[in-house]
Amino acid sequence: MKELVEILAKALVDHPDMVTVDMIDREKFCVIELRVAQDDMGKVIGKQGKIARAIRTVVKAAATKERKKVTVEII
């Protein structure tokens, strides 16, 4: 899932080298922290948060295969 978020984020931003993804894994849930350059923050969030919501939806769908709950935080 970490790789999925990284691929999606790098496709959206102007500075793909500034994208970092950290994964904090717990027993029943997982937190994925996405960091991008300040200039690219709007591209990752999108108008009214639509792109961020879409990223979270795709990641949650992938997480259901592993029977985990996943939260994506954009920092």
N, C-alpha and C. Protein backbone atom coordinates (compact mmCIF):
# COMPACT_ATOMS: atom_id res chain seq x y z
N MET A 1 0.82 -1.19 0.00
CA MET A 1 0.00 0.00 0.00
C MET A 1 0.87 1.26 0.00
N LYS A 2 2.01 1.17 0.65
CA LYS A 2 2.93 2.31 0.67
C LYS A 2 3.36 2.66 -0.75
N GLU A 3 3.66 1.64 -1.54
CA GLU A 3 4.09 1.87 -2.92
C GLU A 3 2.96 2.45 -3.76
N LEU A 4 1.74 2.02 -3.49
CA LEU A 4 0.58 2.53 -4.21
C LEU A 4 0.41 4.03 -3.98
N VAL A 5 0.50 4.46 -2.74
CA VAL A 5 0.37 5.89 -2.43
C VAL A 5 1.51 6.68 -3.06
N GLU A 6 2.71 6.12 -3.04
CA GLU A 6 3.87 6.80 -3.62
C GLU A 6 3.72 6.97 -5.13
N ILE A 7 3.25 5.95 -5.80
CA ILE A 7 3.06 6.03 -7.26
C ILE A 7 1.99 7.05 -7.60
N LEU A 8 0.88 7.03 -6.88
CA LEU A 8 -0.20 7.98 -7.14
C LEU A 8 0.25 9.41 -6.90
N ALA A 9 0.97 9.65 -5.81
CA ALA A 9 1.40 11.00 -5.47
C ALA A 9 2.43 11.52 -6.47
N LYS A 10 3.37 10.67 -6.85
CA LYS A 10 4.41 11.12 -7.80
C LYS A 10 3.83 11.46 -9.16
N ALA A 11 2.73 10.82 -9.53
CA ALA A 11 2.09 11.11 -10.81
C ALA A 11 1.38 12.46 -10.79
N LEU A 12 1.04 12.96 -9.60
CA LEU A 12 0.27 14.20 -9.49
C LEU A 12 1.12 15.46 -9.34
N VAL A 13 2.31 15.34 -8.78
CA VAL A 13 3.08 16.52 -8.36
C VAL A 13 4.10 16.95 -9.40
N ASP A 14 4.61 18.18 -9.22
CA ASP A 14 5.67 18.71 -10.08
C ASP A 14 7.05 18.31 -9.59
N HIS A 15 7.18 18.02 -8.30
CA HIS A 15 8.46 17.65 -7.70
C HIS A 15 8.37 16.23 -7.12
N PRO A 16 8.44 15.21 -7.98
CA PRO A 16 8.28 13.84 -7.48
C PRO A 16 9.41 13.39 -6.56
N ASP A 17 10.56 14.03 -6.64
CA ASP A 17 11.67 13.66 -5.77
C ASP A 17 11.43 14.10 -4.32
N MET A 18 10.49 15.01 -4.09
CA MET A 18 10.18 15.50 -2.75
C MET A 18 9.08 14.67 -2.06
N VAL A 19 8.54 13.67 -2.74
CA VAL A 19 7.47 12.85 -2.18
C VAL A 19 8.09 11.78 -1.25
N THR A 20 7.60 11.74 -0.01
CA THR A 20 8.00 10.69 0.91
C THR A 20 6.75 10.07 1.53
N VAL A 21 6.79 8.78 1.69
CA VAL A 21 5.66 8.05 2.26
C VAL A 21 6.18 7.20 3.41
N ASP A 22 5.60 7.40 4.59
CA ASP A 22 5.94 6.60 5.76
C ASP A 22 4.73 5.79 6.17
N MET A 23 4.99 4.58 6.62
CA MET A 23 3.90 3.70 7.01
C MET A 23 4.08 3.30 8.47
N ILE A 24 3.08 3.59 9.28
CA ILE A 24 3.08 3.22 10.68
C ILE A 24 2.09 2.07 10.83
N ASP A 25 2.62 0.89 11.09
CA ASP A 25 1.80 -0.32 11.10
C ASP A 25 1.47 -0.74 12.53
N ARG A 26 0.21 -0.90 12.81
CA ARG A 26 -0.28 -1.39 14.09
C ARG A 26 -0.92 -2.76 13.86
N GLU A 27 -1.48 -3.34 14.91
CA GLU A 27 -2.08 -4.67 14.77
C GLU A 27 -3.25 -4.68 13.80
N LYS A 28 -4.24 -3.80 14.05
CA LYS A 28 -5.47 -3.85 13.26
C LYS A 28 -5.61 -2.70 12.28
N PHE A 29 -4.75 -1.71 12.38
CA PHE A 29 -4.85 -0.60 11.44
C PHE A 29 -3.47 -0.08 11.08
N CYS A 30 -3.46 0.74 10.06
CA CYS A 30 -2.22 1.26 9.51
C CYS A 30 -2.41 2.73 9.17
N VAL A 31 -1.39 3.54 9.45
CA VAL A 31 -1.43 4.96 9.10
C VAL A 31 -0.35 5.21 8.06
N ILE A 32 -0.74 5.77 6.93
CA ILE A 32 0.20 6.12 5.88
C ILE A 32 0.32 7.63 5.84
N GLU A 33 1.53 8.13 6.05
CA GLU A 33 1.79 9.57 6.05
C GLU A 33 2.43 9.95 4.72
N LEU A 34 1.78 10.85 4.01
CA LEU A 34 2.27 11.32 2.71
C LEU A 34 2.77 12.74 2.87
N ARG A 35 4.04 12.95 2.50
CA ARG A 35 4.63 14.28 2.56
C ARG A 35 5.02 14.70 1.14
N VAL A 36 4.62 15.91 0.76
CA VAL A 36 4.97 16.47 -0.55
C VAL A 36 5.51 17.88 -0.35
N ALA A 37 6.08 18.44 -1.41
CA ALA A 37 6.56 19.82 -1.36
C ALA A 37 5.38 20.76 -1.12
N GLN A 38 5.65 21.87 -0.47
CA GLN A 38 4.59 22.83 -0.15
C GLN A 38 3.87 23.31 -1.41
N ASP A 39 4.60 23.47 -2.51
CA ASP A 39 4.00 23.92 -3.76
C ASP A 39 3.03 22.89 -4.34
N ASP A 40 3.24 21.62 -4.04
CA ASP A 40 2.42 20.55 -4.61
C ASP A 40 1.26 20.14 -3.72
N MET A 41 1.13 20.76 -2.56
CA MET A 41 0.09 20.37 -1.61
C MET A 41 -1.31 20.50 -2.23
N GLY A 42 -1.55 21.56 -2.95
CA GLY A 42 -2.85 21.76 -3.58
C GLY A 42 -3.17 20.73 -4.64
N LYS A 43 -2.15 20.25 -5.34
CA LYS A 43 -2.37 19.24 -6.38
C LYS A 43 -2.74 17.90 -5.79
N VAL A 44 -2.19 17.60 -4.62
CA VAL A 44 -2.48 16.32 -3.98
C VAL A 44 -3.85 16.35 -3.30
N ILE A 45 -4.21 17.50 -2.76
CA ILE A 45 -5.51 17.62 -2.08
C ILE A 45 -6.63 17.82 -3.09
N GLY A 46 -6.42 18.67 -4.08
CA GLY A 46 -7.43 18.90 -5.10
C GLY A 46 -8.51 19.85 -4.64
N LYS A 47 -9.38 20.23 -5.57
CA LYS A 47 -10.48 21.13 -5.24
C LYS A 47 -11.45 20.41 -4.30
N GLN A 48 -11.73 21.05 -3.19
CA GLN A 48 -12.63 20.54 -2.17
C GLN A 48 -12.21 19.15 -1.67
N GLY A 49 -10.92 18.83 -1.80
CA GLY A 49 -10.40 17.56 -1.28
C GLY A 49 -10.75 16.34 -2.10
N LYS A 50 -11.13 16.53 -3.36
CA LYS A 50 -11.58 15.41 -4.18
C LYS A 50 -10.46 14.43 -4.49
N ILE A 51 -9.27 14.93 -4.79
CA ILE A 51 -8.16 14.03 -5.12
C ILE A 51 -7.71 13.27 -3.87
N ALA A 52 -7.62 13.97 -2.74
CA ALA A 52 -7.25 13.31 -1.49
C ALA A 52 -8.26 12.22 -1.14
N ARG A 53 -9.52 12.50 -1.33
CA ARG A 53 -10.57 11.52 -1.05
C ARG A 53 -10.44 10.32 -1.98
N ALA A 54 -10.09 10.57 -3.24
CA ALA A 54 -9.93 9.48 -4.20
C ALA A 54 -8.74 8.60 -3.84
N ILE A 55 -7.64 9.22 -3.41
CA ILE A 55 -6.46 8.45 -2.98
C ILE A 55 -6.83 7.57 -1.79
N ARG A 56 -7.53 8.14 -0.83
CA ARG A 56 -7.93 7.37 0.35
C ARG A 56 -8.85 6.22 -0.03
N THR A 57 -9.75 6.43 -0.97
CA THR A 57 -10.67 5.38 -1.40
C THR A 57 -9.93 4.23 -2.06
N VAL A 58 -8.98 4.55 -2.92
CA VAL A 58 -8.20 3.51 -3.60
C VAL A 58 -7.38 2.70 -2.59
N VAL A 59 -6.78 3.39 -1.64
CA VAL A 59 -5.96 2.70 -0.64
C VAL A 59 -6.83 1.83 0.27
N LYS A 60 -8.00 2.33 0.64
CA LYS A 60 -8.90 1.52 1.48
C LYS A 60 -9.37 0.28 0.73
N ALA A 61 -9.60 0.41 -0.57
CA ALA A 61 -10.01 -0.74 -1.36
C ALA A 61 -8.88 -1.78 -1.42
N ALA A 62 -7.66 -1.32 -1.54
CA ALA A 62 -6.52 -2.24 -1.55
C ALA A 62 -6.32 -2.88 -0.18
N ALA A 63 -6.65 -2.15 0.87
CA ALA A 63 -6.46 -2.65 2.23
C ALA A 63 -7.48 -3.72 2.61
N THR A 64 -8.61 -3.73 1.97
CA THR A 64 -9.61 -4.73 2.30
C THR A 64 -9.13 -6.14 1.97
N LYS A 65 -8.24 -6.27 1.00
CA LYS A 65 -7.67 -7.58 0.68
C LYS A 65 -6.86 -8.10 1.86
N GLU A 66 -6.19 -7.19 2.57
CA GLU A 66 -5.36 -7.59 3.70
C GLU A 66 -6.12 -7.54 5.03
N ARG A 67 -7.38 -7.19 4.96
CA ARG A 67 -8.24 -7.10 6.14
C ARG A 67 -7.66 -6.16 7.20
N LYS A 68 -7.26 -4.99 6.74
CA LYS A 68 -6.75 -3.95 7.64
C LYS A 68 -7.50 -2.65 7.39
N LYS A 69 -7.51 -1.80 8.38
CA LYS A 69 -8.05 -0.47 8.22
C LYS A 69 -6.86 0.47 7.99
N VAL A 70 -6.99 1.34 7.01
CA VAL A 70 -5.90 2.21 6.62
C VAL A 70 -6.38 3.66 6.64
N THR A 71 -5.53 4.53 7.15
CA THR A 71 -5.78 5.95 7.14
C THR A 71 -4.62 6.61 6.39
N VAL A 72 -4.95 7.50 5.46
CA VAL A 72 -3.92 8.24 4.73
C VAL A 72 -3.95 9.68 5.22
N GLU A 73 -2.81 10.14 5.73
CA GLU A 73 -2.68 11.51 6.19
C GLU A 73 -1.73 12.25 5.26
N ILE A 74 -2.17 13.41 4.79
CA ILE A 74 -1.33 14.24 3.92
C ILE A 74 -0.75 15.34 4.78
N ILE A 75 0.58 15.31 4.88
CA ILE A 75 1.27 16.25 5.76
C ILE A 75 2.08 17.24 4.94
